[in-house]
Amino acid sequence: MTRDQIKAIALARGFTERQQADGSKDLNGYVYAFADAMYAEGQRAMQERAAELCEQFSLAVLESEWANGYAVALKDAACGIRALEVKP
């Protein structure tokens, strides 16, 4: 996220700009640091969950009666990786 995006969200939720050392008005630096940390944690959690879902999908495909070629293609398309190879 950009500082402008963070600032817009923060101001919309009641944060206020403060006088900064250089004389400008802005959110305090810790607001941006907190927002960056929360965004990064959200991204990490989302990627972790996506990996779990891809793994579950892979196992479901392996347990199905689909042809092996379709299973590999579907997994690659859904997850963008080939974590499990389906062998004939």
C-alpha atoms as a PDB file:
ATOM      1  CA  MET A   1       0.000   0.000   0.000  1.00  0.00           C
ATOM      2  CA  THR A   2       1.122   3.516  -0.625  1.00  0.00           C
ATOM      3  CA  ARG A   3       1.358   6.203   2.027  1.00  0.00           C
ATOM      4  CA  ASP A   4      -1.492   8.033   0.298  1.00  0.00           C
ATOM      5  CA  GLN A   5      -3.721   4.941   0.536  1.00  0.00           C
ATOM      6  CA  ILE A   6      -2.835   4.458   4.201  1.00  0.00           C
ATOM      7  CA  LYS A   7      -3.468   8.116   4.924  1.00  0.00           C
ATOM      8  CA  ALA A   8      -6.855   8.111   3.179  1.00  0.00           C
ATOM      9  CA  ILE A   9      -8.005   5.035   5.105  1.00  0.00           C
ATOM     10  CA  ALA A  10      -6.702   6.361   8.420  1.00  0.00           C
ATOM     11  CA  LEU A  11      -8.294   9.799   7.999  1.00  0.00           C
ATOM     12  CA  ALA A  12     -11.614   8.191   6.998  1.00  0.00           C
ATOM     13  CA  ARG A  13     -11.538   6.256  10.273  1.00  0.00           C
ATOM     14  CA  GLY A  14     -10.869   9.159  12.581  1.00  0.00           C
ATOM     15  CA  PHE A  15      -7.075   9.452  12.661  1.00  0.00           C
ATOM     16  CA  THR A  16      -5.864  13.031  12.561  1.00  0.00           C
ATOM     17  CA  GLU A  17      -2.864  14.706  11.056  1.00  0.00           C
ATOM     18  CA  ARG A  18      -0.304  16.123  13.471  1.00  0.00           C
ATOM     19  CA  GLN A  19       2.333  18.787  13.130  1.00  0.00           C
ATOM     20  CA  GLN A  20       5.572  17.115  12.034  1.00  0.00           C
ATOM     21  CA  ALA A  21       9.150  18.170  12.831  1.00  0.00           C
ATOM     22  CA  ASP A  22       9.530  19.750   9.388  1.00  0.00           C
ATOM     23  CA  GLY A  23       6.405  21.883   9.942  1.00  0.00           C
ATOM     24  CA  SER A  24       4.125  19.867   7.670  1.00  0.00           C
ATOM     25  CA  LYS A  25       0.891  18.203   8.769  1.00  0.00           C
ATOM     26  CA  ASP A  26       0.761  14.432   8.369  1.00  0.00           C
ATOM     27  CA  LEU A  27      -0.022  11.264  10.251  1.00  0.00           C
ATOM     28  CA  ASN A  28       2.676  10.260  12.700  1.00  0.00           C
ATOM     29  CA  GLY A  29       5.203   7.777  11.376  1.00  0.00           C
ATOM     30  CA  TYR A  30       4.046   5.009  13.688  1.00  0.00           C
ATOM     31  CA  VAL A  31       0.641   5.015  11.945  1.00  0.00           C
ATOM     32  CA  TYR A  32       2.318   4.195   8.631  1.00  0.00           C
ATOM     33  CA  ALA A  33       4.582   1.619  10.289  1.00  0.00           C
ATOM     34  CA  PHE A  34       1.593  -0.073  11.913  1.00  0.00           C
ATOM     35  CA  ALA A  35      -0.398  -0.086   8.660  1.00  0.00           C
ATOM     36  CA  ASP A  36       2.573  -1.539   6.749  1.00  0.00           C
ATOM     37  CA  ALA A  37       2.997  -4.284   9.357  1.00  0.00           C
ATOM     38  CA  MET A  38      -0.712  -5.142   9.324  1.00  0.00           C
ATOM     39  CA  TYR A  39      -0.788  -5.208   5.530  1.00  0.00           C
ATOM     40  CA  ALA A  40       2.282  -7.469   5.390  1.00  0.00           C
ATOM     41  CA  GLU A  41       0.769  -9.816   7.975  1.00  0.00           C
ATOM     42  CA  GLY A  42      -2.483  -9.934   6.019  1.00  0.00           C
ATOM     43  CA  GLN A  43      -0.590 -10.760   2.836  1.00  0.00           C
ATOM     44  CA  ARG A  44       1.374 -13.480   4.622  1.00  0.00           C
ATOM     45  CA  ALA A  45      -1.791 -15.007   6.090  1.00  0.00           C
ATOM     46  CA  MET A  46      -3.524 -14.861   2.717  1.00  0.00           C
ATOM     47  CA  GLN A  47      -0.604 -16.594   0.978  1.00  0.00           C
ATOM     48  CA  GLU A  48      -0.478 -19.239   3.691  1.00  0.00           C
ATOM     49  CA  ARG A  49      -4.204 -19.906   3.331  1.00  0.00           C
ATOM     50  CA  ALA A  50      -3.911 -20.018  -0.467  1.00  0.00           C
ATOM     51  CA  ALA A  51      -1.142 -22.630  -0.141  1.00  0.00           C
ATOM     52  CA  GLU A  52      -3.357 -24.688   2.195  1.00  0.00           C
ATOM     53  CA  LEU A  53      -6.255 -24.520  -0.255  1.00  0.00           C
ATOM     54  CA  CYS A  54      -3.992 -25.517  -3.132  1.00  0.00           C
ATOM     55  CA  GLU A  55      -2.758 -28.482  -1.118  1.00  0.00           C
ATOM     56  CA  GLN A  56      -6.332 -29.520  -0.319  1.00  0.00           C
ATOM     57  CA  PHE A  57      -7.244 -29.150  -3.964  1.00  0.00           C
ATOM     58  CA  SER A  58      -4.239 -31.262  -4.943  1.00  0.00           C
ATOM     59  CA  LEU A  59      -5.266 -34.035  -2.568  1.00  0.00           C
ATOM     60  CA  ALA A  60      -8.855 -33.925  -3.817  1.00  0.00           C
ATOM     61  CA  VAL A  61      -7.637 -34.188  -7.405  1.00  0.00           C
ATOM     62  CA  LEU A  62      -5.333 -37.073  -6.528  1.00  0.00           C
ATOM     63  CA  GLU A  63      -8.210 -38.924  -4.874  1.00  0.00           C
ATOM     64  CA  SER A  64     -10.558 -38.343  -7.809  1.00  0.00           C
ATOM     65  CA  GLU A  65     -10.988 -40.425 -10.918  1.00  0.00           C
ATOM     66  CA  TRP A  66      -9.860 -37.620 -13.233  1.00  0.00           C
ATOM     67  CA  ALA A  67      -7.238 -38.359 -15.816  1.00  0.00           C
ATOM     68  CA  ASN A  68      -3.726 -37.551 -14.635  1.00  0.00           C
ATOM     69  CA  GLY A  69      -3.120 -34.903 -17.277  1.00  0.00           C
ATOM     70  CA  TYR A  70      -6.229 -32.991 -16.293  1.00  0.00           C
ATOM     71  CA  ALA A  71      -5.285 -33.167 -12.625  1.00  0.00           C
ATOM     72  CA  VAL A  72      -1.862 -31.618 -13.233  1.00  0.00           C
ATOM     73  CA  ALA A  73      -3.264 -28.930 -15.536  1.00  0.00           C
ATOM     74  CA  LEU A  74      -6.023 -27.987 -13.097  1.00  0.00           C
ATOM     75  CA  LYS A  75      -3.649 -27.809 -10.157  1.00  0.00           C
ATOM     76  CA  ASP A  76      -1.173 -25.690 -12.108  1.00  0.00           C
ATOM     77  CA  ALA A  77      -3.957 -23.368 -13.238  1.00  0.00           C
ATOM     78  CA  ALA A  78      -5.504 -23.065  -9.769  1.00  0.00           C
ATOM     79  CA  CYS A  79      -2.322 -22.667  -7.766  1.00  0.00           C
ATOM     80  CA  GLY A  80       0.320 -21.506 -10.185  1.00  0.00           C
ATOM     81  CA  ILE A  81       2.719 -24.138  -8.865  1.00  0.00           C
ATOM     82  CA  ARG A  82       3.306 -27.827  -9.253  1.00  0.00           C
ATOM     83  CA  ALA A  83       3.694 -28.863  -5.612  1.00  0.00           C
ATOM     84  CA  LEU A  84       2.467 -32.395  -6.212  1.00  0.00           C
ATOM     85  CA  GLU A  85       3.121 -34.270  -9.402  1.00  0.00           C
ATOM     86  CA  VAL A  86       0.469 -36.710 -10.543  1.00  0.00           C
ATOM     87  CA  LYS A  87       2.172 -39.756 -11.975  1.00  0.00           C
ATOM     88  CA  PRO A  88       0.456 -42.276 -14.306  1.00  0.00           C
END
